[in-house]
């Protein structure tokens, strides 16, 4: 299933019905991140996980126009709050998060 988080009605999705939800390279564009994360927590089955990939702010060359578009340390702390399990891995300019409620 593929949904657009900004235009599709996520309330139509059944609670506690998904083992894995992915969010790749769009987290920084979500306006209401707290509401998005709360909805994801409700959608995951017990033991389910959110797999999120986002760019890290400041990892590009200093002259790169998109250098600061990624996630900051403070935003990363907000993202990982309220999850019982948090795993991260960095790969060049990207950070991978695996989060379990």
N, C-alpha and C. Protein backbone atom coordinates (compact mmCIF):
# COMPACT_ATOMS: atom_id res chain seq x y z
N UNK A 1 0.85 -1.17 0.00
CA UNK A 1 0.00 0.00 0.00
C UNK A 1 0.89 1.23 0.00
N UNK A 2 0.52 2.22 -0.75
CA UNK A 2 1.28 3.47 -0.83
C UNK A 2 0.31 4.62 -0.62
N UNK A 3 0.61 5.46 0.37
CA UNK A 3 -0.25 6.60 0.66
C UNK A 3 0.58 7.87 0.70
N UNK A 4 -0.04 8.96 0.34
CA UNK A 4 0.59 10.27 0.46
C UNK A 4 0.16 10.84 1.81
N UNK A 5 1.12 11.05 2.69
CA UNK A 5 0.79 11.47 4.05
C UNK A 5 0.21 12.88 4.12
N UNK A 6 0.40 13.66 3.07
CA UNK A 6 -0.13 15.02 3.09
C UNK A 6 -1.50 15.15 2.48
N UNK A 7 -1.90 14.19 1.63
CA UNK A 7 -3.19 14.33 0.95
C UNK A 7 -4.15 13.18 1.21
N UNK A 8 -3.66 12.00 1.54
CA UNK A 8 -4.54 10.86 1.79
C UNK A 8 -5.04 10.86 3.22
N UNK A 9 -6.21 10.30 3.44
CA UNK A 9 -6.82 10.23 4.77
C UNK A 9 -6.28 9.00 5.51
N UNK A 10 -5.34 9.22 6.42
CA UNK A 10 -4.72 8.12 7.15
C UNK A 10 -5.66 7.52 8.20
N UNK A 11 -6.74 8.21 8.53
CA UNK A 11 -7.68 7.65 9.52
C UNK A 11 -8.45 6.46 8.95
N UNK A 12 -8.40 6.27 7.64
CA UNK A 12 -9.06 5.12 7.03
C UNK A 12 -8.29 3.83 7.27
N UNK A 13 -7.04 3.95 7.68
CA UNK A 13 -6.22 2.77 7.96
C UNK A 13 -6.61 2.17 9.30
N UNK A 14 -6.61 0.86 9.37
CA UNK A 14 -6.96 0.16 10.61
C UNK A 14 -5.84 0.30 11.65
N UNK A 15 -6.23 0.54 12.89
CA UNK A 15 -5.24 0.60 13.97
C UNK A 15 -4.63 -0.78 14.18
N UNK A 16 -3.39 -0.78 14.62
CA UNK A 16 -2.65 -2.00 14.96
C UNK A 16 -2.77 -3.06 13.87
N UNK A 17 -2.48 -2.65 12.63
CA UNK A 17 -2.64 -3.56 11.51
C UNK A 17 -1.37 -3.76 10.68
N UNK A 18 -0.30 -3.05 11.00
CA UNK A 18 0.88 -3.07 10.14
C UNK A 18 2.13 -3.44 10.92
N UNK A 19 2.89 -4.38 10.39
CA UNK A 19 4.13 -4.83 11.04
C UNK A 19 5.28 -3.86 10.76
N UNK A 20 5.29 -3.27 9.57
CA UNK A 20 6.36 -2.34 9.19
C UNK A 20 5.74 -1.17 8.44
N UNK A 21 6.15 0.02 8.82
CA UNK A 21 5.79 1.23 8.09
C UNK A 21 7.10 1.91 7.72
N UNK A 22 7.23 2.30 6.46
CA UNK A 22 8.46 2.97 6.02
C UNK A 22 8.17 4.43 5.70
N UNK A 23 9.17 5.24 5.94
CA UNK A 23 9.11 6.67 5.65
C UNK A 23 10.50 7.04 5.13
N UNK A 24 10.62 7.19 3.82
CA UNK A 24 11.93 7.39 3.21
C UNK A 24 12.06 8.78 2.58
N UNK A 25 12.96 9.56 3.16
CA UNK A 25 13.34 10.87 2.63
C UNK A 25 12.19 11.86 2.53
N UNK A 26 11.18 11.72 3.38
CA UNK A 26 10.07 12.68 3.39
C UNK A 26 9.82 13.27 4.78
N UNK A 27 10.44 12.73 5.80
CA UNK A 27 10.15 13.16 7.17
C UNK A 27 10.35 14.67 7.34
N UNK A 28 11.40 15.21 6.74
CA UNK A 28 11.67 16.65 6.92
C UNK A 28 10.58 17.52 6.31
N UNK A 29 9.78 16.98 5.41
CA UNK A 29 8.73 17.75 4.75
C UNK A 29 7.38 17.65 5.47
N UNK A 30 7.28 16.83 6.47
CA UNK A 30 6.02 16.66 7.19
C UNK A 30 5.83 17.84 8.13
N UNK A 31 4.73 18.53 7.99
CA UNK A 31 4.49 19.72 8.82
C UNK A 31 4.22 19.36 10.27
N UNK A 32 3.32 18.45 10.51
CA UNK A 32 2.96 18.08 11.88
C UNK A 32 3.58 16.73 12.22
N UNK A 33 4.86 16.77 12.56
CA UNK A 33 5.61 15.54 12.82
C UNK A 33 5.05 14.77 14.02
N UNK A 34 4.64 15.47 15.05
CA UNK A 34 4.11 14.80 16.24
C UNK A 34 2.84 14.03 15.90
N UNK A 35 1.95 14.62 15.14
CA UNK A 35 0.71 13.93 14.76
C UNK A 35 1.02 12.72 13.87
N UNK A 36 1.96 12.87 12.96
CA UNK A 36 2.36 11.77 12.09
C UNK A 36 2.90 10.61 12.93
N UNK A 37 3.81 10.89 13.86
CA UNK A 37 4.41 9.84 14.68
C UNK A 37 3.38 9.17 15.58
N UNK A 38 2.46 9.95 16.14
CA UNK A 38 1.40 9.37 16.96
C UNK A 38 0.53 8.43 16.14
N UNK A 39 0.19 8.84 14.92
CA UNK A 39 -0.64 7.98 14.06
C UNK A 39 0.10 6.69 13.71
N UNK A 40 1.38 6.80 13.41
CA UNK A 40 2.18 5.61 13.09
C UNK A 40 2.18 4.65 14.28
N UNK A 41 2.35 5.15 15.48
CA UNK A 41 2.34 4.29 16.67
C UNK A 41 1.03 3.50 16.77
N UNK A 42 -0.10 4.13 16.44
CA UNK A 42 -1.40 3.46 16.50
C UNK A 42 -1.58 2.44 15.38
N UNK A 43 -0.92 2.67 14.27
CA UNK A 43 -1.07 1.77 13.13
C UNK A 43 -0.24 0.50 13.26
N UNK A 44 0.82 0.54 14.05
CA UNK A 44 1.72 -0.61 14.17
C UNK A 44 1.14 -1.68 15.08
N UNK A 45 1.32 -2.93 14.67
CA UNK A 45 0.97 -4.05 15.54
C UNK A 45 1.96 -4.09 16.70
N UNK A 46 1.63 -4.77 17.80
CA UNK A 46 2.62 -4.93 18.87
C UNK A 46 3.90 -5.57 18.30
N UNK A 47 5.02 -4.96 18.59
CA UNK A 47 6.29 -5.45 18.06
C UNK A 47 6.61 -4.91 16.68
N UNK A 48 5.69 -4.14 16.08
CA UNK A 48 5.92 -3.57 14.75
C UNK A 48 6.98 -2.49 14.79
N UNK A 49 7.40 -2.04 13.61
CA UNK A 49 8.45 -1.03 13.58
C UNK A 49 8.24 0.01 12.49
N UNK A 50 8.75 1.18 12.78
CA UNK A 50 8.83 2.27 11.82
C UNK A 50 10.26 2.30 11.32
N UNK A 51 10.43 2.21 10.01
CA UNK A 51 11.74 2.31 9.38
C UNK A 51 11.77 3.63 8.65
N UNK A 52 12.60 4.56 9.14
CA UNK A 52 12.62 5.92 8.63
C UNK A 52 14.03 6.28 8.18
N UNK A 53 14.11 6.87 7.00
CA UNK A 53 15.40 7.32 6.46
C UNK A 53 15.29 8.81 6.19
N UNK A 54 16.28 9.56 6.65
CA UNK A 54 16.28 10.99 6.40
C UNK A 54 17.72 11.48 6.26
N UNK A 55 17.86 12.60 5.62
CA UNK A 55 19.18 13.20 5.47
C UNK A 55 19.58 13.87 6.78
N UNK A 56 20.88 13.93 7.03
CA UNK A 56 21.42 14.56 8.24
C UNK A 56 21.87 15.98 7.88
N UNK A 57 21.38 16.97 8.62
CA UNK A 57 21.76 18.36 8.37
C UNK A 57 23.26 18.54 8.54
N UNK A 58 23.86 19.29 7.64
CA UNK A 58 25.27 19.64 7.75
C UNK A 58 26.23 18.60 7.21
N UNK A 59 25.76 17.51 6.65
CA UNK A 59 26.66 16.46 6.15
C UNK A 59 27.13 16.69 4.72
N UNK A 60 26.48 17.56 4.00
CA UNK A 60 26.91 17.86 2.64
C UNK A 60 28.06 18.86 2.66
N UNK A 61 28.68 19.04 1.53
CA UNK A 61 29.76 20.03 1.42
C UNK A 61 29.26 21.41 1.84
N UNK A 62 30.13 22.24 2.42
CA UNK A 62 29.70 23.57 2.88
C UNK A 62 29.05 24.43 1.79
N UNK A 63 29.44 24.23 0.55
CA UNK A 63 28.87 25.03 -0.54
C UNK A 63 27.57 24.45 -1.11
N UNK A 64 27.17 23.27 -0.67
CA UNK A 64 25.97 22.63 -1.20
C UNK A 64 24.72 23.42 -0.79
N UNK A 65 23.84 23.72 -1.74
CA UNK A 65 22.64 24.52 -1.41
C UNK A 65 21.67 23.82 -0.46
N UNK A 66 21.67 22.51 -0.40
CA UNK A 66 20.75 21.77 0.47
C UNK A 66 21.43 21.28 1.74
N UNK A 67 22.55 21.86 2.09
CA UNK A 67 23.38 21.40 3.21
C UNK A 67 22.61 21.27 4.52
N UNK A 68 21.71 22.17 4.81
CA UNK A 68 21.03 22.20 6.11
C UNK A 68 19.60 21.66 6.09
N UNK A 69 19.22 20.97 5.03
CA UNK A 69 17.85 20.48 4.92
C UNK A 69 17.56 19.22 5.73
N UNK A 70 18.56 18.55 6.19
CA UNK A 70 18.34 17.29 6.90
C UNK A 70 17.92 17.46 8.34
N UNK A 71 17.89 16.35 9.04
CA UNK A 71 17.48 16.32 10.44
C UNK A 71 18.62 16.82 11.33
N UNK A 72 18.29 17.66 12.29
CA UNK A 72 19.27 18.16 13.26
C UNK A 72 19.30 17.23 14.47
N UNK A 73 20.28 17.43 15.34
CA UNK A 73 20.36 16.61 16.56
C UNK A 73 19.10 16.80 17.41
N UNK A 74 18.62 18.03 17.54
CA UNK A 74 17.42 18.30 18.34
C UNK A 74 16.20 17.63 17.72
N UNK A 75 16.07 17.70 16.40
CA UNK A 75 14.94 17.06 15.73
C UNK A 75 15.04 15.54 15.84
N UNK A 76 16.25 15.01 15.86
CA UNK A 76 16.44 13.58 16.05
C UNK A 76 15.99 13.13 17.42
N UNK A 77 16.25 13.95 18.43
CA UNK A 77 15.80 13.63 19.79
C UNK A 77 14.28 13.63 19.87
N UNK A 78 13.65 14.60 19.21
CA UNK A 78 12.19 14.65 19.18
C UNK A 78 11.63 13.43 18.47
N UNK A 79 12.24 13.06 17.36
CA UNK A 79 11.79 11.89 16.60
C UNK A 79 11.87 10.62 17.43
N UNK A 80 12.92 10.43 18.18
CA UNK A 80 13.14 9.17 18.89
C UNK A 80 12.48 9.12 20.27
N UNK A 81 11.95 10.25 20.74
CA UNK A 81 11.26 10.25 22.03
C UNK A 81 10.00 9.40 21.95
N UNK A 82 9.64 8.77 23.04
CA UNK A 82 8.41 7.97 23.16
C UNK A 82 8.43 6.67 22.37
N UNK A 83 9.60 6.20 21.97
CA UNK A 83 9.73 4.88 21.35
C UNK A 83 10.50 4.01 22.32
N UNK A 84 10.10 2.76 22.48
CA UNK A 84 10.76 1.89 23.45
C UNK A 84 12.09 1.35 22.92
N UNK A 85 12.19 1.20 21.61
CA UNK A 85 13.42 0.72 21.00
C UNK A 85 13.81 1.68 19.88
N UNK A 86 15.05 2.14 19.92
CA UNK A 86 15.56 3.05 18.89
C UNK A 86 16.90 2.52 18.41
N UNK A 87 17.01 2.31 17.12
CA UNK A 87 18.27 1.90 16.50
C UNK A 87 18.54 2.88 15.37
N UNK A 88 19.80 3.30 15.24
CA UNK A 88 20.16 4.20 14.15
C UNK A 88 21.44 3.72 13.49
N UNK A 89 21.60 4.11 12.24
CA UNK A 89 22.84 3.86 11.51
C UNK A 89 23.01 4.99 10.51
N UNK A 90 24.22 5.46 10.38
CA UNK A 90 24.51 6.53 9.43
C UNK A 90 25.23 5.96 8.21
N UNK A 91 24.85 6.46 7.06
CA UNK A 91 25.49 6.09 5.81
C UNK A 91 25.66 7.36 5.01
N UNK A 92 26.86 7.91 5.06
CA UNK A 92 27.19 9.14 4.36
C UNK A 92 26.28 10.27 4.86
N UNK A 93 25.39 10.79 4.02
CA UNK A 93 24.53 11.91 4.41
C UNK A 93 23.18 11.45 4.97
N UNK A 94 22.96 10.15 5.04
CA UNK A 94 21.67 9.62 5.48
C UNK A 94 21.76 8.99 6.87
N UNK A 95 20.66 9.10 7.59
CA UNK A 95 20.52 8.39 8.87
C UNK A 95 19.31 7.49 8.77
N UNK A 96 19.49 6.25 9.18
CA UNK A 96 18.42 5.27 9.21
C UNK A 96 17.97 5.08 10.65
N UNK A 97 16.67 5.11 10.85
CA UNK A 97 16.08 4.89 12.17
C UNK A 97 15.19 3.65 12.10
N UNK A 98 15.30 2.80 13.09
CA UNK A 98 14.35 1.72 13.29
C UNK A 98 13.76 1.96 14.67
N UNK A 99 12.44 2.19 14.72
CA UNK A 99 11.76 2.58 15.94
C UNK A 99 10.62 1.62 16.25
N UNK A 100 10.55 1.20 17.51
CA UNK A 100 9.44 0.34 17.96
C UNK A 100 8.74 1.05 19.11
N UNK A 101 7.38 1.03 19.08
CA UNK A 101 6.65 1.68 20.17
C UNK A 101 6.90 1.03 21.52
